[in-house]
C-alpha atoms as a PDB file:
ATOM      1  CA  UNK A   1      10.131 -13.919  -8.252  1.00  0.00           C
ATOM      2  CA  UNK A   2      13.800 -12.582  -6.364  1.00  0.00           C
ATOM      3  CA  UNK A   3      13.245 -11.485  -2.442  1.00  0.00           C
ATOM      4  CA  UNK A   4      14.814  -8.935  -0.604  1.00  0.00           C
ATOM      5  CA  UNK A   5      14.909  -9.234   3.246  1.00  0.00           C
ATOM      6  CA  UNK A   6      14.681  -6.504   5.275  1.00  0.00           C
ATOM      7  CA  UNK A   7      17.444  -6.263   7.532  1.00  0.00           C
ATOM      8  CA  UNK A   8      19.903  -3.521   9.014  1.00  0.00           C
ATOM      9  CA  UNK A   9      17.315  -1.087   9.241  1.00  0.00           C
ATOM     10  CA  UNK A  10      18.682   0.659  12.199  1.00  0.00           C
ATOM     11  CA  UNK A  11      21.723   1.744   9.861  1.00  0.00           C
ATOM     12  CA  UNK A  12      19.676   2.561   6.916  1.00  0.00           C
ATOM     13  CA  UNK A  13      18.414   5.300   9.643  1.00  0.00           C
ATOM     14  CA  UNK A  14      21.423   6.665  10.308  1.00  0.00           C
ATOM     15  CA  UNK A  15      22.476   9.874  10.034  1.00  0.00           C
ATOM     16  CA  UNK A  16      18.316  10.808   8.792  1.00  0.00           C
ATOM     17  CA  UNK A  17      16.308  13.326  11.399  1.00  0.00           C
ATOM     18  CA  UNK A  18      14.525  10.512  12.911  1.00  0.00           C
ATOM     19  CA  UNK A  19      12.294  12.560  15.124  1.00  0.00           C
ATOM     20  CA  UNK A  20      11.460  15.035  12.421  1.00  0.00           C
ATOM     21  CA  UNK A  21      10.068  12.101  10.180  1.00  0.00           C
ATOM     22  CA  UNK A  22       8.735   9.313  13.246  1.00  0.00           C
ATOM     23  CA  UNK A  23       8.408  11.670  16.283  1.00  0.00           C
ATOM     24  CA  UNK A  24      10.167  13.333  19.118  1.00  0.00           C
ATOM     25  CA  UNK A  25      12.653  10.591  20.933  1.00  0.00           C
ATOM     26  CA  UNK A  26      12.845   8.455  18.511  1.00  0.00           C
ATOM     27  CA  UNK A  27      16.313   7.473  17.692  1.00  0.00           C
ATOM     28  CA  UNK A  28      17.705   5.266  14.659  1.00  0.00           C
ATOM     29  CA  UNK A  29      18.726   2.504  16.644  1.00  0.00           C
ATOM     30  CA  UNK A  30      15.375   2.332  17.976  1.00  0.00           C
ATOM     31  CA  UNK A  31      14.439   1.076  14.733  1.00  0.00           C
ATOM     32  CA  UNK A  32      15.190  -2.394  14.505  1.00  0.00           C
ATOM     33  CA  UNK A  33      14.587  -4.992  12.362  1.00  0.00           C
ATOM     34  CA  UNK A  34      12.548  -7.052  15.153  1.00  0.00           C
ATOM     35  CA  UNK A  35       9.986  -4.000  15.938  1.00  0.00           C
ATOM     36  CA  UNK A  36       9.833  -3.429  12.146  1.00  0.00           C
ATOM     37  CA  UNK A  37       8.871  -7.072  11.971  1.00  0.00           C
ATOM     38  CA  UNK A  38       6.152  -6.609  14.642  1.00  0.00           C
ATOM     39  CA  UNK A  39       4.610  -3.668  13.466  1.00  0.00           C
ATOM     40  CA  UNK A  40       4.039  -5.322   9.790  1.00  0.00           C
ATOM     41  CA  UNK A  41       2.665  -7.966  11.618  1.00  0.00           C
ATOM     42  CA  UNK A  42       0.457  -5.990  13.271  1.00  0.00           C
ATOM     43  CA  UNK A  43      -0.377  -4.289  10.041  1.00  0.00           C
ATOM     44  CA  UNK A  44      -1.047  -6.990   8.324  1.00  0.00           C
ATOM     45  CA  UNK A  45      -3.677  -8.457  11.080  1.00  0.00           C
ATOM     46  CA  UNK A  46      -5.599  -4.982  11.157  1.00  0.00           C
ATOM     47  CA  UNK A  47      -5.698  -4.617   7.244  1.00  0.00           C
ATOM     48  CA  UNK A  48      -3.193  -2.875   5.452  1.00  0.00           C
ATOM     49  CA  UNK A  49      -5.957  -1.146   3.176  1.00  0.00           C
ATOM     50  CA  UNK A  50      -8.052  -0.177   6.886  1.00  0.00           C
ATOM     51  CA  UNK A  51      -4.990   0.917   7.933  1.00  0.00           C
ATOM     52  CA  UNK A  52      -4.308   3.215   4.786  1.00  0.00           C
ATOM     53  CA  UNK A  53      -7.784   5.112   4.423  1.00  0.00           C
ATOM     54  CA  UNK A  54      -7.587   5.722   8.254  1.00  0.00           C
ATOM     55  CA  UNK A  55      -4.229   7.532   8.466  1.00  0.00           C
ATOM     56  CA  UNK A  56      -5.344   9.405   5.274  1.00  0.00           C
ATOM     57  CA  UNK A  57      -8.454  10.530   6.937  1.00  0.00           C
ATOM     58  CA  UNK A  58      -7.328  11.055   9.709  1.00  0.00           C
ATOM     59  CA  UNK A  59      -4.451  13.172   8.151  1.00  0.00           C
ATOM     60  CA  UNK A  60      -7.094  15.064   5.762  1.00  0.00           C
ATOM     61  CA  UNK A  61     -10.014  15.889   8.708  1.00  0.00           C
ATOM     62  CA  UNK A  62      -6.742  17.291  10.736  1.00  0.00           C
ATOM     63  CA  UNK A  63      -5.359  19.147   7.922  1.00  0.00           C
ATOM     64  CA  UNK A  64      -8.730  20.513   7.247  1.00  0.00           C
ATOM     65  CA  UNK A  65      -8.453  19.745   3.788  1.00  0.00           C
ATOM     66  CA  UNK A  66     -11.999  19.864   2.217  1.00  0.00           C
ATOM     67  CA  UNK A  67     -13.640  16.583   0.315  1.00  0.00           C
ATOM     68  CA  UNK A  68     -16.220  16.720  -1.934  1.00  0.00           C
ATOM     69  CA  UNK A  69     -15.640  14.110  -4.684  1.00  0.00           C
ATOM     70  CA  UNK A  70     -13.495  10.533  -4.820  1.00  0.00           C
ATOM     71  CA  UNK A  71     -12.154  10.022  -8.183  1.00  0.00           C
ATOM     72  CA  UNK A  72     -11.408   6.385  -8.626  1.00  0.00           C
ATOM     73  CA  UNK A  73      -9.436   4.167 -11.308  1.00  0.00           C
ATOM     74  CA  UNK A  74      -8.023   1.022 -11.406  1.00  0.00           C
ATOM     75  CA  UNK A  75      -5.100  -0.233 -13.766  1.00  0.00           C
ATOM     76  CA  UNK A  76      -4.155  -4.122 -14.352  1.00  0.00           C
ATOM     77  CA  UNK A  77      -0.101  -4.554 -14.263  1.00  0.00           C
ATOM     78  CA  UNK A  78       1.680  -7.223 -16.148  1.00  0.00           C
ATOM     79  CA  UNK A  79       4.052  -9.608 -14.972  1.00  0.00           C
ATOM     80  CA  UNK A  80       6.485 -12.009 -15.972  1.00  0.00           C
ATOM     81  CA  UNK A  81       8.004 -15.185 -14.343  1.00  0.00           C
ATOM     82  CA  UNK A  82       5.769 -18.131 -12.357  1.00  0.00           C
ATOM     83  CA  UNK A  83       3.889 -16.628  -9.904  1.00  0.00           C
ATOM     84  CA  UNK A  84       2.288 -20.148  -8.667  1.00  0.00           C
ATOM     85  CA  UNK A  85       1.720 -20.539  -4.749  1.00  0.00           C
ATOM     86  CA  UNK A  86       3.054 -16.443  -3.432  1.00  0.00           C
ATOM     87  CA  UNK A  87       0.716 -15.996  -1.634  1.00  0.00           C
ATOM     88  CA  UNK A  88      -2.831 -15.127  -1.325  1.00  0.00           C
ATOM     89  CA  UNK A  89      -3.505 -12.646  -4.553  1.00  0.00           C
ATOM     90  CA  UNK A  90      -4.082 -14.234  -7.479  1.00  0.00           C
ATOM     91  CA  UNK A  91      -2.280 -13.141 -10.056  1.00  0.00           C
ATOM     92  CA  UNK A  92      -3.388 -14.623 -13.307  1.00  0.00           C
ATOM     93  CA  UNK A  93      -4.647 -13.906 -16.634  1.00  0.00           C
ATOM     94  CA  UNK A  94      -7.357 -11.310 -17.162  1.00  0.00           C
ATOM     95  CA  UNK A  95      -8.759  -8.171 -19.274  1.00  0.00           C
ATOM     96  CA  UNK A  96      -5.484  -6.682 -19.466  1.00  0.00           C
ATOM     97  CA  UNK A  97      -5.295  -2.559 -19.974  1.00  0.00           C
ATOM     98  CA  UNK A  98      -1.706  -2.834 -21.503  1.00  0.00           C
ATOM     99  CA  UNK A  99      -2.746  -5.206 -24.398  1.00  0.00           C
ATOM    100  CA  UNK A 100      -1.360  -7.976 -23.248  1.00  0.00           C
ATOM    101  CA  UNK A 101      -3.259 -10.881 -22.681  1.00  0.00           C
ATOM    102  CA  UNK A 102       0.056 -13.328 -22.961  1.00  0.00           C
ATOM    103  CA  UNK A 103       0.868 -11.957 -19.405  1.00  0.00           C
ATOM    104  CA  UNK A 104      -0.579 -13.006 -15.877  1.00  0.00           C
ATOM    105  CA  UNK A 105      -1.588  -9.739 -13.814  1.00  0.00           C
ATOM    106  CA  UNK A 106      -2.931  -7.901 -10.619  1.00  0.00           C
ATOM    107  CA  UNK A 107      -5.171  -4.597 -10.442  1.00  0.00           C
ATOM    108  CA  UNK A 108      -4.679  -1.817  -8.371  1.00  0.00           C
ATOM    109  CA  UNK A 109      -7.053   0.330  -7.851  1.00  0.00           C
ATOM    110  CA  UNK A 110      -6.964   3.637  -6.046  1.00  0.00           C
ATOM    111  CA  UNK A 111      -8.883   6.690  -4.867  1.00  0.00           C
ATOM    112  CA  UNK A 112      -7.803  10.006  -4.138  1.00  0.00           C
ATOM    113  CA  UNK A 113      -9.529  13.535  -3.369  1.00  0.00           C
ATOM    114  CA  UNK A 114      -9.429  16.531  -5.956  1.00  0.00           C
ATOM    115  CA  UNK A 115      -6.504  17.434  -4.533  1.00  0.00           C
ATOM    116  CA  UNK A 116      -4.551  14.166  -5.804  1.00  0.00           C
ATOM    117  CA  UNK A 117      -4.623  13.207  -2.166  1.00  0.00           C
ATOM    118  CA  UNK A 118      -4.734   9.104  -2.044  1.00  0.00           C
ATOM    119  CA  UNK A 119      -7.561   7.832   0.212  1.00  0.00           C
ATOM    120  CA  UNK A 120      -8.306   4.444  -0.349  1.00  0.00           C
ATOM    121  CA  UNK A 121      -5.989   1.786  -2.168  1.00  0.00           C
ATOM    122  CA  UNK A 122      -6.615  -1.681  -2.935  1.00  0.00           C
ATOM    123  CA  UNK A 123      -4.892  -4.824  -5.010  1.00  0.00           C
ATOM    124  CA  UNK A 124      -7.005  -7.738  -6.073  1.00  0.00           C
ATOM    125  CA  UNK A 125      -6.670 -10.592  -8.437  1.00  0.00           C
ATOM    126  CA  UNK A 126      -5.623 -10.460 -11.690  1.00  0.00           C
ATOM    127  CA  UNK A 127      -9.722 -11.372 -13.247  1.00  0.00           C
ATOM    128  CA  UNK A 128     -11.687  -8.902 -10.646  1.00  0.00           C
ATOM    129  CA  UNK A 129     -12.188  -5.758 -10.995  1.00  0.00           C
ATOM    130  CA  UNK A 130     -11.307  -3.867  -7.198  1.00  0.00           C
ATOM    131  CA  UNK A 131     -14.207  -2.305  -5.314  1.00  0.00           C
ATOM    132  CA  UNK A 132     -13.876   0.798  -3.385  1.00  0.00           C
ATOM    133  CA  UNK A 133     -14.820   0.503   0.470  1.00  0.00           C
ATOM    134  CA  UNK A 134     -17.391   2.802   1.980  1.00  0.00           C
ATOM    135  CA  UNK A 135     -15.639   5.613   3.396  1.00  0.00           C
ATOM    136  CA  UNK A 136     -17.378   8.513   5.999  1.00  0.00           C
ATOM    137  CA  UNK A 137     -16.057  11.711   5.156  1.00  0.00           C
END
């Protein structure tokens, strides 16, 4: 698997309205590689799924979007290559929705509101089915 490092983040945001994207007073030079790495470390410690669903639920509450029903779905994502020892996700063989039992896979699950606003997402090993956490609405 080819990995591409994240660097020169401040140059990426040059010419963009970073105050509109991130808040008043945020300039491109404030968005450094070091700050991005620290933020990603904190998200990893807190749990990416928990951070995402918390932000989504706060946005839904702030915008007063009615949520009566959540729709859940999962899909398998087939991959090529050797992924042994590539992290905590077990990319392996399982039931392939793409009818490709010859390829390894991982599973992706998503819960959305009736308005198609994502509320919860999860990635699981290739031979399991995601179980979505309970969400207070």
